[in-house]
Amino acid sequence: MMVSQPGCGYAVLLCTWKQEQQPPTESVDSSASSREGPIRDVILHQTSGRIHNKNVSTHLIGTIGRGCSKEPKGLGLFALCTLDGTLKLMEGADKLLWSVQVDHQLFALEKLDVTGNGYEEVIACAWDGQTYIIDHNRTVARFQVDENVSAFCAGFYSCKGDHNSPCLVYVSFNQKIYIYWDVQLERMESTNLLKTLENNSECGELLLRLDIAKDDVSAVKDLIHKTLYFPKKAVK
């Protein structure tokens, strides 16, 4: 079991009572273990050498999915956020994958697959309604809720129809509950128009009609420029 600790730390609680209940097999091993002392059942971790405020609250979310049908053993992926705006994604005990610093007080942390690719994004919410959606590669999408937020959660819920969909749920200080349902993004990473058109069969046919090679990047860029800014101008 993992428990968040103030100052962007966490503790791992071990099930040592199971080991203590097992009878020793040999007297030699029993005496050796007694000299080593009692087994530690709480292991504390600090995620950074930078000094954090010892009193700043920290939230933790674990077992973040990464597209694998069978998750590896161990701590896996987990995220931490603090009230001073620190957000981290960790793998294993002490491997930091990325760290993000924001100017908002983060008080809630969730995980949710909003792209449908099996990878769960990290979702953090601040008191003022600022919401961050961050993927495993530290790509960030954010938006602002109109009211200050007192509670936040995310998950798959059924709002309309007979199937569950990604939902974000906010509770305001005005005793209102806001549910954003069917929250889905086509992708998290940024792209450009050229890459999008490469996979468009209709665009390829139009380029052939205009006698423009699909791999001629400069000609395609010039065509897009004229189409967007000078649509009435004849293409030469």
Foldseek 3Di string as FASTA:
>chain_A
DKAAAAFQKIKAFAPCVVVVPDDDPDPVVVVVVVVVPDDDGIDIDHQDPDGGDRHWDKDKDFPFWDQDPDADDARAWMWMATQQAKIWIAGHRHRTQDIDGDRFGWDDWAWAAQQPRGGIWIWTAGQQQWIWTAGSNGQIDIDGDPAGFDDKYWDWDCDDDDGTATWIWTQHPVRDIDIDTNRHDNDRDDDDPLVVCVPPPVSVVVCVVVVHDNPPVVVVVVVVVCCVPPVPDDDD
